[in-house]
Amino acid sequence: MKANAFWDVAVVGGGMAGLSAAIYLGRALRRTIVIDSGCSMARWEPHVQNYLGFNSISGEQLLGKGRAQAAEYGIEFCHDIVSTARGKIDDFLLLGKKKSYKARRVLLATGVFHVPPEIPCVCKCLGRSFFFCKDCDGYRVRGKKIAVIGRHNDTVEYALGMLAYSRSVFLLTNGKRPIWDDTHARWLAEYRIPVFRESIKEVEQMRGQLRSLNLKNGHRIAVDNLFTTRGDIVHHRLAKAMGAALDEAGEVIVDSCQQTTVRGLYAAGCVTPANCQMIIAGGQGATAAQAINRDLFEASLRDHNLIRNLADSGG
């Protein structure tokens, strides 16, 4: 498959990290394409309340504003899914379902997928009364009845952390055997956090607002909000195919410039070990873009191929 164009930078992913990088690269006059599958997790969030400058804005709106801003600087977009990638610095090839893309540098901003609990109809409450992140959404549920689902040490710590927001916090394992250690079990007892091990049969909700969790043994638990710690699926497939190193969690290892262990290949946002927050992803995208621009500039000096603006200034 022949690539349609040769880009300075190909950005895979049109979420916060990818769009932030695109804005910086466009302002640096780098020929950049953003290849976006349209699956950013930001679209799941109807009320973002911790993004600088906005008391409340939907993730969809943030993405739209970022995309429009990047387009003002000449960034091109393609709705496509990159199936695989190969190559090396100055000669990367990305193979998509629609076309292929050749680029001197590549930025992977492919993100993660938050795995929802196996409970019928719970996703109707997503972003309204069902959440994945206490750092993002703990503040909005203060004083409410809060359920946390999971069975690991981090689930226990999650529930303990929620006590700062509410005195009514309980933990459910949804029919799974808890595997937290003795220390975490003692903390649960010390802070009197109830634990329910029965499977959840269904949720009661109205227009996205939870009312209760109904267990298979017939017990009904009144609840206002639900958090889950089931885990994330890191979209590292392309990074792995290109030979980039991953950590034990499957996240792409990067240096302080967001460069992976493969020269010329960068990664930013939730696909890296960073705290998975929209504003952090945006910052990482900016960091990667500046590093990429500097890398291309230094390469042009070495190759005696520095790009200059030769337009008549009219002076």
Protein backbone atom coordinates (compact mmCIF):
# COMPACT_ATOMS: atom_id res chain seq x y z
CA MET A 1 0.00 0.00 0.00
CA LYS A 2 1.48 3.33 -1.04
CA ALA A 3 1.41 6.28 1.35
CA ASN A 4 -0.55 9.25 0.06
CA ALA A 5 1.80 11.91 1.46
CA PHE A 6 4.94 12.37 3.48
CA TRP A 7 4.34 14.19 6.75
CA ASP A 8 6.70 15.78 9.21
CA VAL A 9 4.59 14.30 12.01
CA ALA A 10 1.79 11.77 12.15
CA VAL A 11 -0.27 11.93 15.36
CA VAL A 12 -2.30 8.81 16.09
CA GLY A 13 -5.22 9.74 18.32
CA GLY A 14 -7.46 12.80 18.39
CA GLY A 15 -8.00 13.10 22.14
CA MET A 16 -6.57 15.70 24.50
CA ALA A 17 -2.93 14.67 24.05
CA GLY A 18 -3.14 14.40 20.27
CA LEU A 19 -4.98 17.69 19.78
CA SER A 20 -2.70 19.60 22.14
CA ALA A 21 0.33 18.29 20.25
CA ALA A 22 -1.29 19.16 16.92
CA ILE A 23 -1.84 22.78 17.96
CA TYR A 24 1.82 23.19 18.90
CA LEU A 25 3.05 21.44 15.78
CA GLY A 26 0.78 23.51 13.55
CA ARG A 27 2.06 26.73 15.10
CA ALA A 28 5.59 25.44 14.47
CA LEU A 29 4.66 25.10 10.77
CA ARG A 30 5.20 21.36 10.75
CA ARG A 31 3.20 19.37 8.19
CA THR A 32 1.11 17.31 10.56
CA ILE A 33 -1.77 14.89 10.22
CA VAL A 34 -3.97 13.65 13.06
CA ILE A 35 -5.34 10.16 12.45
CA ASP A 36 -8.38 9.84 14.69
CA SER A 37 -10.62 6.83 15.20
CA GLY A 38 -13.13 8.96 17.11
CA CYS A 39 -12.90 6.84 20.27
CA SER A 40 -11.44 9.30 22.79
CA MET A 41 -12.55 8.51 26.34
CA ALA A 42 -13.21 12.23 26.76
CA ARG A 43 -16.46 11.70 24.86
CA TRP A 44 -17.75 9.72 27.84
CA GLU A 45 -17.65 12.73 30.15
CA PRO A 46 -20.66 15.09 29.97
CA HIS A 47 -19.42 17.38 32.75
CA VAL A 48 -15.68 18.05 32.99
CA GLN A 49 -15.19 20.23 36.08
CA ASN A 50 -11.41 20.20 36.60
CA TYR A 51 -10.08 21.48 33.26
CA LEU A 52 -8.35 24.85 33.60
CA GLY A 53 -10.58 27.71 32.51
CA PHE A 54 -13.88 25.82 32.56
CA ASN A 55 -16.15 25.37 35.58
CA SER A 56 -18.02 22.79 33.55
CA ILE A 57 -17.72 21.68 29.95
CA SER A 58 -18.42 18.38 28.22
CA GLY A 59 -15.58 16.27 26.90
CA GLU A 60 -17.22 16.44 23.48
CA GLN A 61 -17.09 20.24 23.57
CA LEU A 62 -13.44 20.23 24.64
CA LEU A 63 -12.56 17.94 21.76
CA GLY A 64 -14.49 20.11 19.30
CA LYS A 65 -12.76 23.28 20.46
CA GLY A 66 -9.34 21.63 20.28
CA ARG A 67 -9.97 20.23 16.83
CA ALA A 68 -11.15 23.60 15.51
CA GLN A 69 -8.13 25.34 17.02
CA ALA A 70 -5.72 22.84 15.46
CA ALA A 71 -7.40 23.23 12.07
CA GLU A 72 -6.74 26.99 12.20
CA TYR A 73 -3.02 26.18 12.10
CA GLY A 74 -3.24 23.96 9.06
CA ILE A 75 -3.49 20.59 10.76
CA GLU A 76 -5.10 17.93 8.59
CA PHE A 77 -7.37 15.26 10.01
CA CYS A 78 -8.28 11.81 8.80
CA HIS A 79 -10.91 9.55 10.38
CA ASP A 80 -9.16 6.21 10.22
CA ILE A 81 -7.94 3.30 12.32
CA VAL A 82 -4.24 2.51 12.10
CA SER A 83 -3.97 -1.27 12.03
CA THR A 84 -0.20 -1.57 12.21
CA ALA A 85 2.99 0.47 11.89
CA ARG A 86 6.64 -0.03 11.13
CA GLY A 87 9.78 1.80 10.11
CA LYS A 88 12.38 3.98 11.77
CA ILE A 89 13.16 7.65 12.32
CA ASP A 90 12.56 9.74 9.19
CA ASP A 91 10.82 6.77 7.55
CA PHE A 92 7.80 5.58 9.53
CA LEU A 93 4.87 3.93 7.77
CA LEU A 94 1.44 3.69 9.36
CA LEU A 95 -1.06 1.37 7.69
CA GLY A 96 -4.67 2.39 8.20
CA LYS A 97 -7.93 0.82 7.09
CA LYS A 98 -8.51 3.67 4.62
CA LYS A 99 -4.99 4.64 3.57
CA SER A 100 -1.38 4.62 4.67
CA TYR A 101 0.69 7.44 6.13
CA LYS A 102 4.40 8.10 5.91
CA ALA A 103 6.06 10.42 8.41
CA ARG A 104 9.42 11.51 9.76
CA ARG A 105 8.17 11.41 13.37
CA VAL A 106 5.21 9.68 15.00
CA LEU A 107 3.30 10.57 18.16
CA LEU A 108 1.10 7.89 19.69
CA ALA A 109 -1.78 9.37 21.67
CA THR A 110 -3.93 6.25 21.58
CA GLY A 111 -5.09 6.36 25.21
CA VAL A 112 -6.86 3.69 27.25
CA PHE A 113 -10.25 2.09 27.63
CA HIS A 114 -11.80 2.13 31.10
CA VAL A 115 -13.42 -1.25 31.65
CA PRO A 116 -16.96 -0.85 33.04
CA PRO A 117 -18.32 -3.35 35.59
CA GLU A 118 -20.38 -6.28 34.36
CA ILE A 119 -23.72 -4.86 35.48
CA PRO A 120 -26.70 -4.53 33.13
CA CYS A 121 -27.62 -0.95 32.18
CA VAL A 122 -24.98 0.68 34.40
CA CYS A 123 -23.42 2.52 31.44
CA LYS A 124 -26.60 4.59 31.15
CA CYS A 125 -25.34 6.34 34.28
CA LEU A 126 -21.84 7.01 32.93
CA GLY A 127 -20.66 10.53 33.67
CA ARG A 128 -23.81 11.30 35.65
CA SER A 129 -23.73 9.02 38.67
CA PHE A 130 -21.26 6.33 37.59
CA PHE A 131 -17.58 7.31 37.39
CA PHE A 132 -14.06 5.92 36.97
CA CYS A 133 -11.96 8.60 38.67
CA LYS A 134 -12.23 9.93 42.20
CA ASP A 135 -9.69 12.67 41.44
CA CYS A 136 -12.01 13.94 38.70
CA ASP A 137 -15.38 13.31 40.29
CA GLY A 138 -14.98 12.85 44.05
CA TYR A 139 -15.76 16.51 44.70
CA ARG A 140 -19.12 16.35 42.93
CA VAL A 141 -20.37 13.40 45.04
CA ARG A 142 -19.58 14.78 48.49
CA GLY A 143 -22.19 13.90 51.09
CA LYS A 144 -23.71 11.18 48.87
CA LYS A 145 -24.03 7.41 49.29
CA ILE A 146 -21.00 6.07 47.40
CA ALA A 147 -20.35 2.51 46.23
CA VAL A 148 -16.93 1.33 45.04
CA ILE A 149 -16.66 -1.88 43.01
CA GLY A 150 -13.51 -4.00 42.93
CA ARG A 151 -11.51 -6.59 44.86
CA HIS A 152 -7.88 -5.43 44.96
CA ASN A 153 -5.75 -3.37 47.33
CA ASP A 154 -6.29 -0.30 45.18
CA THR A 155 -10.06 -0.79 45.53
CA VAL A 156 -9.72 -0.58 49.29
CA GLU A 157 -7.55 2.52 49.05
CA TYR A 158 -10.08 4.02 46.64
CA ALA A 159 -12.87 3.49 49.16
CA LEU A 160 -10.74 4.90 51.97
CA GLY A 161 -10.00 7.98 49.88
CA MET A 162 -13.70 8.54 49.26
CA LEU A 163 -14.25 8.98 53.02
CA ALA A 164 -12.93 12.53 52.56
CA TYR A 165 -16.06 13.24 50.52
CA SER A 166 -18.70 11.21 52.33
CA ARG A 167 -19.30 9.27 55.54
CA SER A 168 -21.40 6.74 53.59
CA VAL A 169 -18.96 4.63 51.57
CA PHE A 170 -19.24 0.90 50.96
CA LEU A 171 -17.43 -1.65 48.82
CA LEU A 172 -18.77 -4.40 46.55
CA THR A 173 -16.80 -7.24 44.95
CA ASN A 174 -19.67 -8.15 42.57
CA GLY A 175 -19.48 -11.86 43.29
CA LYS A 176 -15.68 -12.06 43.04
CA ARG A 177 -13.40 -13.25 45.82
CA PRO A 178 -11.57 -10.29 47.37
CA ILE A 179 -7.79 -10.47 46.96
CA TRP A 180 -6.72 -7.50 49.06
CA ASP A 181 -4.08 -8.24 51.69
CA ASP A 182 -4.39 -8.37 55.49
CA THR A 183 -3.25 -4.77 55.95
CA HIS A 184 -5.99 -3.49 53.68
CA ALA A 185 -8.54 -5.76 55.37
CA ARG A 186 -7.60 -4.22 58.73
CA TRP A 187 -8.06 -0.73 57.29
CA LEU A 188 -11.54 -1.68 56.10
CA ALA A 189 -12.37 -2.84 59.62
CA GLU A 190 -10.75 0.19 61.26
CA TYR A 191 -12.75 2.66 59.18
CA ARG A 192 -15.91 0.52 59.22
CA ILE A 193 -16.40 0.30 55.48
CA PRO A 194 -19.09 -2.32 54.76
CA VAL A 195 -18.19 -4.99 52.19
CA PHE A 196 -20.79 -6.82 50.07
CA ARG A 197 -19.53 -9.87 48.17
CA GLU A 198 -22.74 -10.86 46.39
CA SER A 199 -23.14 -10.38 42.64
CA ILE A 200 -25.03 -7.33 41.44
CA LYS A 201 -28.11 -8.35 39.48
CA GLU A 202 -29.15 -4.92 38.22
CA VAL A 203 -29.20 -1.20 38.93
CA GLU A 204 -32.17 1.03 39.47
CA GLN A 205 -31.70 4.41 37.83
CA MET A 206 -33.70 7.28 36.42
CA ARG A 207 -32.28 9.36 33.56
CA GLY A 208 -28.75 8.37 34.51
CA GLN A 209 -29.13 8.93 38.26
CA LEU A 210 -28.57 5.79 40.30
CA ARG A 211 -31.14 4.83 42.91
CA SER A 212 -29.98 1.41 44.06
CA LEU A 213 -27.90 -1.68 43.40
CA ASN A 214 -29.94 -4.88 43.53
CA LEU A 215 -27.98 -7.98 44.53
CA LYS A 216 -28.74 -11.51 43.38
CA ASN A 217 -29.56 -12.57 46.96
CA GLY A 218 -32.44 -10.08 46.94
CA HIS A 219 -30.70 -7.40 48.99
CA ARG A 220 -31.22 -3.81 47.78
CA ILE A 221 -28.56 -1.19 48.50
CA ALA A 222 -29.56 2.46 48.16
CA VAL A 223 -26.81 4.33 46.35
CA ASP A 224 -26.30 7.75 44.77
CA ASN A 225 -22.98 7.22 43.04
CA LEU A 226 -20.84 4.36 41.82
CA PHE A 227 -17.10 4.17 41.17
CA THR A 228 -15.26 1.21 39.68
CA THR A 229 -11.63 0.10 39.81
CA ARG A 230 -11.93 -2.82 37.44
CA GLY A 231 -8.99 -1.59 35.39
CA ASP A 232 -7.92 -0.14 32.06
CA ILE A 233 -7.03 -1.58 28.68
CA VAL A 234 -4.01 0.35 27.45
CA HIS A 235 -4.00 0.88 23.67
CA HIS A 236 -0.32 -0.01 23.21
CA ARG A 237 -0.67 -2.25 20.16
CA LEU A 238 1.05 0.15 17.74
CA ALA A 239 3.83 0.97 20.18
CA LYS A 240 4.50 -2.72 20.68
CA ALA A 241 4.48 -3.37 16.94
CA MET A 242 7.10 -0.66 16.47
CA GLY A 243 9.35 -2.10 19.16
CA ALA A 244 8.74 0.40 21.97
CA ALA A 245 9.25 -0.83 25.52
CA LEU A 246 6.26 -1.22 27.85
CA ASP A 247 6.10 -1.31 31.64
CA GLU A 248 4.44 -4.06 33.70
CA ALA A 249 1.05 -2.36 33.33
CA GLY A 250 1.37 -2.29 29.54
CA GLU A 251 1.94 1.46 29.41
CA VAL A 252 4.44 2.90 26.94
CA ILE A 253 7.70 3.93 28.59
CA VAL A 254 8.78 7.48 27.70
CA ASP A 255 11.55 9.86 28.71
CA SER A 256 11.18 13.45 29.87
CA CYS A 257 10.56 14.53 26.26
CA GLN A 258 7.84 11.90 25.76
CA GLN A 259 10.09 9.89 23.43
CA THR A 260 9.76 6.12 23.60
CA THR A 261 12.66 3.70 23.45
CA VAL A 262 12.36 3.89 19.65
CA ARG A 263 14.12 6.94 18.20
CA GLY A 264 11.64 9.32 16.58
CA LEU A 265 8.60 7.62 18.12
CA TYR A 266 6.84 9.56 20.88
CA ALA A 267 3.85 8.83 23.12
CA ALA A 268 1.65 11.07 25.26
CA GLY A 269 -1.45 10.88 27.41
CA CYS A 270 -3.06 7.88 29.03
CA VAL A 271 -1.13 5.35 26.95
CA THR A 272 1.92 6.32 29.05
CA PRO A 273 2.39 5.89 32.84
CA ALA A 274 1.02 9.40 33.45
CA ASN A 275 -1.95 9.98 35.76
CA CYS A 276 -4.86 9.64 33.35
CA GLN A 277 -6.32 13.16 33.50
CA MET A 278 -7.41 15.26 30.53
CA ILE A 279 -5.33 18.26 31.50
CA ILE A 280 -2.24 16.10 32.11
CA ALA A 281 -2.72 14.47 28.71
CA GLY A 282 -2.92 17.91 27.13
CA GLY A 283 0.30 18.92 28.85
CA GLN A 284 2.09 15.79 27.72
CA GLY A 285 0.94 16.41 24.17
CA ALA A 286 2.43 19.90 24.29
CA THR A 287 5.69 18.53 25.73
CA ALA A 288 5.92 15.91 22.99
CA ALA A 289 5.19 18.43 20.25
CA GLN A 290 7.90 20.81 21.44
CA ALA A 291 10.40 17.95 21.65
CA ILE A 292 9.47 16.75 18.16
CA ASN A 293 9.80 20.24 16.72
CA ARG A 294 13.23 20.63 18.34
CA ASP A 295 14.28 17.21 17.05
CA LEU A 296 13.29 18.12 13.48
CA PHE A 297 15.05 21.48 13.78
CA GLU A 298 18.30 19.88 14.93
CA ALA A 299 18.06 17.30 12.15
CA SER A 300 17.69 20.07 9.56
CA LEU A 301 20.84 21.74 10.90
CA ARG A 302 22.80 18.49 10.65
CA ASP A 303 21.52 17.93 7.11
CA HIS A 304 22.10 21.54 6.03
CA ASN A 305 18.43 21.65 5.14
CA LEU A 306 17.06 24.35 7.43
CA ILE A 307 13.65 25.59 6.36
CA ARG A 308 13.59 29.37 5.85
CA ASN A 309 10.76 31.76 5.12
CA LEU A 310 11.84 33.52 1.93
CA ALA A 311 8.66 35.52 1.45
CA ASP A 312 9.07 39.24 0.83
CA SER A 313 8.37 41.02 4.12
CA GLY A 314 7.47 44.20 2.27
CA GLY A 315 10.09 46.15 4.20
